[in-house]
C-alpha cells in the first residue's frame, strides 16, 4: 500500500515511470497533510491555560481531524486502484461485438468510480476548511501560520482533486451524470478558493 511507504520511497515512486501514484493520490495526500496540521494546532492549544475555555472545542477538533486524516489516507490508495481498474478495463478483449459492448461498459463504470473518488476528496477537503478556519480563529495563535498552511494545502487538495474529476468526466458518455458532477465540481472549486481567501485575509491583518 502507498500509505505504508516512507516519505522518501513514496516520492521516489511518484517520480518514476509508473502512472500511479498520480495527481489524484497526491491530492488526497495534500488533504491528509492539511488534516494533520489542523490536528496539530488543536493539540498545541489543549492544556494551555490561556486557552482553557477552548479545551472542549479543541478536543472535538482533534477527533474530527483524526477521522479526516484516516479517510484521506485511504483515498491515496483508492485513487491509484481506481486508475488501475480503468487501465485493466481498456485491456479487456474486443474481438466480438459482445466483447466490445462489455469492454465499453466496464470502461464507463470504472471511469465513473475514478471520477467519484477524487470528487469525494474534494468534498471532504472543502468541508475541513471550515474546521481549519475555526482552529485558526480560536486555537493557539502561536501556531496560526500552521493553520494557514493547512488551509492552503486543503485548497490545493480540493482543486487538484477536481482536476482529476474533470479529466475522467471527459471520457464518460452519461450526459446527465457528467452535468451533475461538473456542476458540483465547479461549486466546490469556488468554495475552496473563497474559504482560503477569507482566512488568509483575516490572518494578514494580524501578522
C-alpha atoms as a PDB file:
ATOM      1  CA  UNK A   1       0.000   0.000   0.000  1.00  0.00           C
ATOM      2  CA  UNK A   2       1.190   3.501  -0.821  1.00  0.00           C
ATOM      3  CA  UNK A   3       0.413   4.830   2.656  1.00  0.00           C
ATOM      4  CA  UNK A   4       2.858   2.357   4.188  1.00  0.00           C
ATOM      5  CA  UNK A   5       5.796   3.724   2.198  1.00  0.00           C
ATOM      6  CA  UNK A   6       8.309   6.083   3.767  1.00  0.00           C
ATOM      7  CA  UNK A   7       8.199   9.676   2.545  1.00  0.00           C
ATOM      8  CA  UNK A   8      11.409   9.034   0.603  1.00  0.00           C
ATOM      9  CA  UNK A   9      10.051   5.905  -1.082  1.00  0.00           C
ATOM     10  CA  UNK A  10       6.660   7.492  -1.800  1.00  0.00           C
ATOM     11  CA  UNK A  11       8.331  10.416  -3.560  1.00  0.00           C
ATOM     12  CA  UNK A  12      10.613   8.080  -5.498  1.00  0.00           C
ATOM     13  CA  UNK A  13       7.617   6.015  -6.626  1.00  0.00           C
ATOM     14  CA  UNK A  14       5.769   9.183  -7.641  1.00  0.00           C
ATOM     15  CA  UNK A  15       8.800  10.315  -9.635  1.00  0.00           C
ATOM     16  CA  UNK A  16       9.094   7.015 -11.509  1.00  0.00           C
ATOM     17  CA  UNK A  17       7.662   5.922 -14.851  1.00  0.00           C
ATOM     18  CA  UNK A  18       4.562   4.280 -13.357  1.00  0.00           C
ATOM     19  CA  UNK A  19       1.432   6.484 -13.707  1.00  0.00           C
ATOM     20  CA  UNK A  20       0.459   5.766 -10.097  1.00  0.00           C
ATOM     21  CA  UNK A  21       0.584   7.396  -7.659  1.00  0.00           C
ATOM     22  CA  UNK A  22      -0.525  10.329  -9.755  1.00  0.00           C
ATOM     23  CA  UNK A  23      -2.308  13.614  -9.233  1.00  0.00           C
ATOM     24  CA  UNK A  24      -5.349  12.069  -7.572  1.00  0.00           C
ATOM     25  CA  UNK A  25      -3.318  10.303  -4.902  1.00  0.00           C
ATOM     26  CA  UNK A  26      -1.248  13.441  -4.356  1.00  0.00           C
ATOM     27  CA  UNK A  27      -4.458  15.446  -3.913  1.00  0.00           C
ATOM     28  CA  UNK A  28      -5.537  13.014  -1.193  1.00  0.00           C
ATOM     29  CA  UNK A  29      -2.082  13.212   0.397  1.00  0.00           C
ATOM     30  CA  UNK A  30      -2.329  17.000   0.496  1.00  0.00           C
ATOM     31  CA  UNK A  31      -5.710  16.707   2.184  1.00  0.00           C
ATOM     32  CA  UNK A  32      -4.272  14.294   4.756  1.00  0.00           C
ATOM     33  CA  UNK A  33      -1.440  16.740   5.456  1.00  0.00           C
ATOM     34  CA  UNK A  34      -3.945  19.574   5.897  1.00  0.00           C
ATOM     35  CA  UNK A  35      -5.850  17.406   8.377  1.00  0.00           C
ATOM     36  CA  UNK A  36      -2.686  16.569  10.302  1.00  0.00           C
ATOM     37  CA  UNK A  37      -1.635  20.216  10.546  1.00  0.00           C
ATOM     38  CA  UNK A  38      -5.079  21.202  11.791  1.00  0.00           C
ATOM     39  CA  UNK A  39      -4.939  18.453  14.381  1.00  0.00           C
ATOM     40  CA  UNK A  40      -1.511  19.694  15.456  1.00  0.00           C
ATOM     41  CA  UNK A  41      -2.755  23.244  16.040  1.00  0.00           C
ATOM     42  CA  UNK A  42      -5.620  21.900  18.141  1.00  0.00           C
ATOM     43  CA  UNK A  43      -3.211  19.733  20.151  1.00  0.00           C
ATOM     44  CA  UNK A  44      -0.943  22.737  20.700  1.00  0.00           C
ATOM     45  CA  UNK A  45      -3.941  24.561  22.170  1.00  0.00           C
ATOM     46  CA  UNK A  46      -5.037  21.808  24.554  1.00  0.00           C
ATOM     47  CA  UNK A  47      -3.522  22.122  28.011  1.00  0.00           C
ATOM     48  CA  UNK A  48      -2.622  25.794  27.642  1.00  0.00           C
ATOM     49  CA  UNK A  49      -4.022  27.929  30.455  1.00  0.00           C
ATOM     50  CA  UNK A  50      -4.589  30.837  28.099  1.00  0.00           C
ATOM     51  CA  UNK A  51      -6.947  28.671  26.037  1.00  0.00           C
ATOM     52  CA  UNK A  52      -8.592  26.595  28.761  1.00  0.00           C
ATOM     53  CA  UNK A  53     -12.032  27.833  27.704  1.00  0.00           C
ATOM     54  CA  UNK A  54     -11.356  26.331  24.248  1.00  0.00           C
ATOM     55  CA  UNK A  55     -10.247  22.943  25.574  1.00  0.00           C
ATOM     56  CA  UNK A  56     -13.512  21.137  24.817  1.00  0.00           C
ATOM     57  CA  UNK A  57     -13.717  22.555  21.315  1.00  0.00           C
ATOM     58  CA  UNK A  58     -10.112  21.666  20.545  1.00  0.00           C
ATOM     59  CA  UNK A  59     -10.591  18.086  21.722  1.00  0.00           C
ATOM     60  CA  UNK A  60     -13.563  17.794  19.371  1.00  0.00           C
ATOM     61  CA  UNK A  61     -11.443  19.187  16.543  1.00  0.00           C
ATOM     62  CA  UNK A  62      -8.709  16.640  17.270  1.00  0.00           C
ATOM     63  CA  UNK A  63     -11.253  13.819  16.949  1.00  0.00           C
ATOM     64  CA  UNK A  64     -12.733  15.282  13.758  1.00  0.00           C
ATOM     65  CA  UNK A  65      -9.396  15.855  12.049  1.00  0.00           C
ATOM     66  CA  UNK A  66      -8.084  12.453  13.074  1.00  0.00           C
ATOM     67  CA  UNK A  67     -11.033  10.888  11.245  1.00  0.00           C
ATOM     68  CA  UNK A  68     -10.466  13.080   8.199  1.00  0.00           C
ATOM     69  CA  UNK A  69      -6.773  12.173   8.156  1.00  0.00           C
ATOM     70  CA  UNK A  70      -7.543   8.451   8.239  1.00  0.00           C
ATOM     71  CA  UNK A  71     -10.135   8.849   5.482  1.00  0.00           C
ATOM     72  CA  UNK A  72      -7.794  10.791   3.206  1.00  0.00           C
ATOM     73  CA  UNK A  73      -5.066   8.201   3.737  1.00  0.00           C
ATOM     74  CA  UNK A  74      -7.442   5.540   2.407  1.00  0.00           C
ATOM     75  CA  UNK A  75      -8.149   7.770  -0.587  1.00  0.00           C
ATOM     76  CA  UNK A  76      -4.443   7.840  -1.502  1.00  0.00           C
ATOM     77  CA  UNK A  77      -4.554   4.147  -2.353  1.00  0.00           C
ATOM     78  CA  UNK A  78      -8.165   4.175  -3.556  1.00  0.00           C
ATOM     79  CA  UNK A  79      -7.362   6.685  -6.283  1.00  0.00           C
ATOM     80  CA  UNK A  80      -4.453   4.641  -7.596  1.00  0.00           C
ATOM     81  CA  UNK A  81      -6.559   1.469  -7.503  1.00  0.00           C
ATOM     82  CA  UNK A  82      -9.290   3.227  -9.476  1.00  0.00           C
ATOM     83  CA  UNK A  83      -6.781   4.222 -12.150  1.00  0.00           C
ATOM     84  CA  UNK A  84      -5.523   0.651 -12.358  1.00  0.00           C
ATOM     85  CA  UNK A  85      -9.099  -0.594 -12.787  1.00  0.00           C
ATOM     86  CA  UNK A  86      -9.685   1.788 -15.695  1.00  0.00           C
ATOM     87  CA  UNK A  87      -6.444   0.622 -17.284  1.00  0.00           C
ATOM     88  CA  UNK A  88      -7.486  -3.011 -16.807  1.00  0.00           C
ATOM     89  CA  UNK A  89     -10.865  -2.327 -18.443  1.00  0.00           C
ATOM     90  CA  UNK A  90      -9.145  -0.952 -21.536  1.00  0.00           C
ATOM     91  CA  UNK A  91      -7.182  -4.204 -21.820  1.00  0.00           C
ATOM     92  CA  UNK A  92     -10.322  -6.363 -21.989  1.00  0.00           C
ATOM     93  CA  UNK A  93     -10.823  -8.334 -25.238  1.00  0.00           C
ATOM     94  CA  UNK A  94     -12.667  -6.622 -28.086  1.00  0.00           C
ATOM     95  CA  UNK A  95     -12.824  -9.196 -30.833  1.00  0.00           C
ATOM     96  CA  UNK A  96     -16.590  -9.760 -30.926  1.00  0.00           C
ATOM     97  CA  UNK A  97     -19.461  -7.290 -30.686  1.00  0.00           C
ATOM     98  CA  UNK A  98     -20.374  -8.785 -27.332  1.00  0.00           C
ATOM     99  CA  UNK A  99     -16.834  -8.313 -26.047  1.00  0.00           C
ATOM    100  CA  UNK A 100     -16.765  -4.749 -27.336  1.00  0.00           C
ATOM    101  CA  UNK A 101     -20.024  -3.931 -25.548  1.00  0.00           C
ATOM    102  CA  UNK A 102     -18.831  -5.486 -22.301  1.00  0.00           C
ATOM    103  CA  UNK A 103     -15.480  -3.705 -22.574  1.00  0.00           C
ATOM    104  CA  UNK A 104     -17.137  -0.336 -23.147  1.00  0.00           C
ATOM    105  CA  UNK A 105     -19.477  -0.877 -20.202  1.00  0.00           C
ATOM    106  CA  UNK A 106     -16.576  -1.819 -17.945  1.00  0.00           C
ATOM    107  CA  UNK A 107     -14.596   1.228 -19.056  1.00  0.00           C
ATOM    108  CA  UNK A 108     -17.520   3.537 -18.358  1.00  0.00           C
ATOM    109  CA  UNK A 109     -18.185   2.080 -14.906  1.00  0.00           C
ATOM    110  CA  UNK A 110     -14.513   2.113 -13.936  1.00  0.00           C
ATOM    111  CA  UNK A 111     -14.152   5.694 -15.143  1.00  0.00           C
ATOM    112  CA  UNK A 112     -17.147   6.793 -13.077  1.00  0.00           C
ATOM    113  CA  UNK A 113     -15.518   5.337  -9.976  1.00  0.00           C
ATOM    114  CA  UNK A 114     -12.267   7.049 -10.948  1.00  0.00           C
ATOM    115  CA  UNK A 115     -14.189  10.343 -11.023  1.00  0.00           C
ATOM    116  CA  UNK A 116     -16.116   9.746  -7.810  1.00  0.00           C
ATOM    117  CA  UNK A 117     -13.075   9.090  -5.610  1.00  0.00           C
ATOM    118  CA  UNK A 118     -11.429  12.488  -6.223  1.00  0.00           C
ATOM    119  CA  UNK A 119     -14.854  14.149  -6.011  1.00  0.00           C
ATOM    120  CA  UNK A 120     -15.208  12.771  -2.502  1.00  0.00           C
ATOM    121  CA  UNK A 121     -11.694  14.009  -1.697  1.00  0.00           C
ATOM    122  CA  UNK A 122     -12.703  17.471  -2.910  1.00  0.00           C
ATOM    123  CA  UNK A 123     -15.907  17.423  -0.837  1.00  0.00           C
ATOM    124  CA  UNK A 124     -14.057  16.482   2.331  1.00  0.00           C
ATOM    125  CA  UNK A 125     -11.209  18.913   1.650  1.00  0.00           C
ATOM    126  CA  UNK A 126     -13.689  21.781   1.333  1.00  0.00           C
ATOM    127  CA  UNK A 127     -15.502  20.632   4.479  1.00  0.00           C
ATOM    128  CA  UNK A 128     -12.328  20.522   6.553  1.00  0.00           C
ATOM    129  CA  UNK A 129     -11.527  24.102   5.563  1.00  0.00           C
ATOM    130  CA  UNK A 130     -14.282  25.202   7.966  1.00  0.00           C
ATOM    131  CA  UNK A 131     -12.568  23.272  10.760  1.00  0.00           C
ATOM    132  CA  UNK A 132      -9.234  24.839   9.837  1.00  0.00           C
ATOM    133  CA  UNK A 133     -10.738  28.325   9.992  1.00  0.00           C
ATOM    134  CA  UNK A 134     -12.176  27.525  13.407  1.00  0.00           C
ATOM    135  CA  UNK A 135      -8.861  26.321  14.813  1.00  0.00           C
ATOM    136  CA  UNK A 136      -7.087  29.321  13.291  1.00  0.00           C
ATOM    137  CA  UNK A 137      -9.501  31.768  14.896  1.00  0.00           C
ATOM    138  CA  UNK A 138      -9.832  30.103  18.299  1.00  0.00           C
ATOM    139  CA  UNK A 139      -6.726  27.969  18.690  1.00  0.00           C
ATOM    140  CA  UNK A 140      -3.170  28.698  19.800  1.00  0.00           C
ATOM    141  CA  UNK A 141      -2.199  31.886  17.989  1.00  0.00           C
ATOM    142  CA  UNK A 142       1.473  30.924  18.055  1.00  0.00           C
ATOM    143  CA  UNK A 143       0.517  28.257  15.522  1.00  0.00           C
ATOM    144  CA  UNK A 144      -1.738  30.404  13.349  1.00  0.00           C
ATOM    145  CA  UNK A 145       0.617  30.190  10.372  1.00  0.00           C
ATOM    146  CA  UNK A 146       0.402  26.396  10.587  1.00  0.00           C
ATOM    147  CA  UNK A 147      -3.362  26.754  10.239  1.00  0.00           C
ATOM    148  CA  UNK A 148      -2.783  28.980   7.208  1.00  0.00           C
ATOM    149  CA  UNK A 149      -0.561  26.347   5.615  1.00  0.00           C
ATOM    150  CA  UNK A 150      -3.279  23.789   6.390  1.00  0.00           C
ATOM    151  CA  UNK A 151      -5.972  25.781   4.594  1.00  0.00           C
ATOM    152  CA  UNK A 152      -3.723  26.459   1.600  1.00  0.00           C
ATOM    153  CA  UNK A 153      -2.909  22.763   1.419  1.00  0.00           C
ATOM    154  CA  UNK A 154      -6.595  21.858   1.692  1.00  0.00           C
ATOM    155  CA  UNK A 155      -7.421  24.260  -1.133  1.00  0.00           C
ATOM    156  CA  UNK A 156      -4.700  22.686  -3.259  1.00  0.00           C
ATOM    157  CA  UNK A 157      -6.097  19.252  -2.428  1.00  0.00           C
ATOM    158  CA  UNK A 158      -9.623  20.265  -3.425  1.00  0.00           C
ATOM    159  CA  UNK A 159      -8.695  21.898  -6.718  1.00  0.00           C
ATOM    160  CA  UNK A 160      -6.235  19.124  -7.595  1.00  0.00           C
ATOM    161  CA  UNK A 161      -8.916  16.514  -6.945  1.00  0.00           C
ATOM    162  CA  UNK A 162     -11.407  18.465  -9.060  1.00  0.00           C
ATOM    163  CA  UNK A 163      -8.991  18.456 -11.996  1.00  0.00           C
ATOM    164  CA  UNK A 164      -8.887  14.678 -11.723  1.00  0.00           C
ATOM    165  CA  UNK A 165     -12.675  14.572 -11.641  1.00  0.00           C
ATOM    166  CA  UNK A 166     -12.916  16.636 -14.797  1.00  0.00           C
ATOM    167  CA  UNK A 167     -10.398  14.651 -16.814  1.00  0.00           C
ATOM    168  CA  UNK A 168     -12.336  11.478 -16.037  1.00  0.00           C
ATOM    169  CA  UNK A 169     -15.665  13.121 -16.873  1.00  0.00           C
ATOM    170  CA  UNK A 170     -14.333  13.883 -20.346  1.00  0.00           C
ATOM    171  CA  UNK A 171     -14.407  10.141 -21.079  1.00  0.00           C
ATOM    172  CA  UNK A 172     -17.877   9.432 -19.669  1.00  0.00           C
ATOM    173  CA  UNK A 173     -20.819   9.228 -22.070  1.00  0.00           C
ATOM    174  CA  UNK A 174     -23.606   9.593 -19.487  1.00  0.00           C
ATOM    175  CA  UNK A 175     -24.513  13.224 -20.198  1.00  0.00           C
ATOM    176  CA  UNK A 176     -26.716  13.725 -17.135  1.00  0.00           C
ATOM    177  CA  UNK A 177     -24.083  12.236 -14.831  1.00  0.00           C
ATOM    178  CA  UNK A 178     -21.382  14.453 -16.328  1.00  0.00           C
ATOM    179  CA  UNK A 179     -23.541  17.570 -15.971  1.00  0.00           C
ATOM    180  CA  UNK A 180     -24.288  16.910 -12.291  1.00  0.00           C
ATOM    181  CA  UNK A 181     -20.678  16.108 -11.451  1.00  0.00           C
ATOM    182  CA  UNK A 182     -19.399  19.148 -13.344  1.00  0.00           C
ATOM    183  CA  UNK A 183     -21.832  21.427 -11.524  1.00  0.00           C
ATOM    184  CA  UNK A 184     -20.701  20.123  -8.144  1.00  0.00           C
ATOM    185  CA  UNK A 185     -17.029  20.280  -9.111  1.00  0.00           C
ATOM    186  CA  UNK A 186     -17.328  23.932 -10.117  1.00  0.00           C
ATOM    187  CA  UNK A 187     -19.151  24.743  -6.878  1.00  0.00           C
ATOM    188  CA  UNK A 188     -16.515  23.034  -4.737  1.00  0.00           C
ATOM    189  CA  UNK A 189     -13.732  24.814  -6.580  1.00  0.00           C
ATOM    190  CA  UNK A 190     -15.250  28.237  -5.914  1.00  0.00           C
ATOM    191  CA  UNK A 191     -15.895  27.319  -2.263  1.00  0.00           C
ATOM    192  CA  UNK A 192     -12.297  26.208  -1.761  1.00  0.00           C
ATOM    193  CA  UNK A 193     -10.914  29.421  -3.208  1.00  0.00           C
ATOM    194  CA  UNK A 194     -13.311  31.591  -1.201  1.00  0.00           C
ATOM    195  CA  UNK A 195     -12.649  29.841   2.121  1.00  0.00           C
ATOM    196  CA  UNK A 196      -8.902  30.085   1.690  1.00  0.00           C
ATOM    197  CA  UNK A 197      -9.058  33.774   0.814  1.00  0.00           C
ATOM    198  CA  UNK A 198     -11.329  34.573   3.765  1.00  0.00           C
ATOM    199  CA  UNK A 199      -8.952  33.075   6.322  1.00  0.00           C
ATOM    200  CA  UNK A 200      -5.766  34.426   4.763  1.00  0.00           C
ATOM    201  CA  UNK A 201      -7.321  37.880   4.588  1.00  0.00           C
ATOM    202  CA  UNK A 202      -8.123  37.785   8.309  1.00  0.00           C
ATOM    203  CA  UNK A 203      -4.699  36.496   9.245  1.00  0.00           C
ATOM    204  CA  UNK A 204      -2.852  39.034   7.087  1.00  0.00           C
ATOM    205  CA  UNK A 205      -4.281  41.800   9.263  1.00  0.00           C
ATOM    206  CA  UNK A 206      -2.609  40.473  12.403  1.00  0.00           C
ATOM    207  CA  UNK A 207       0.761  39.322  11.045  1.00  0.00           C
END
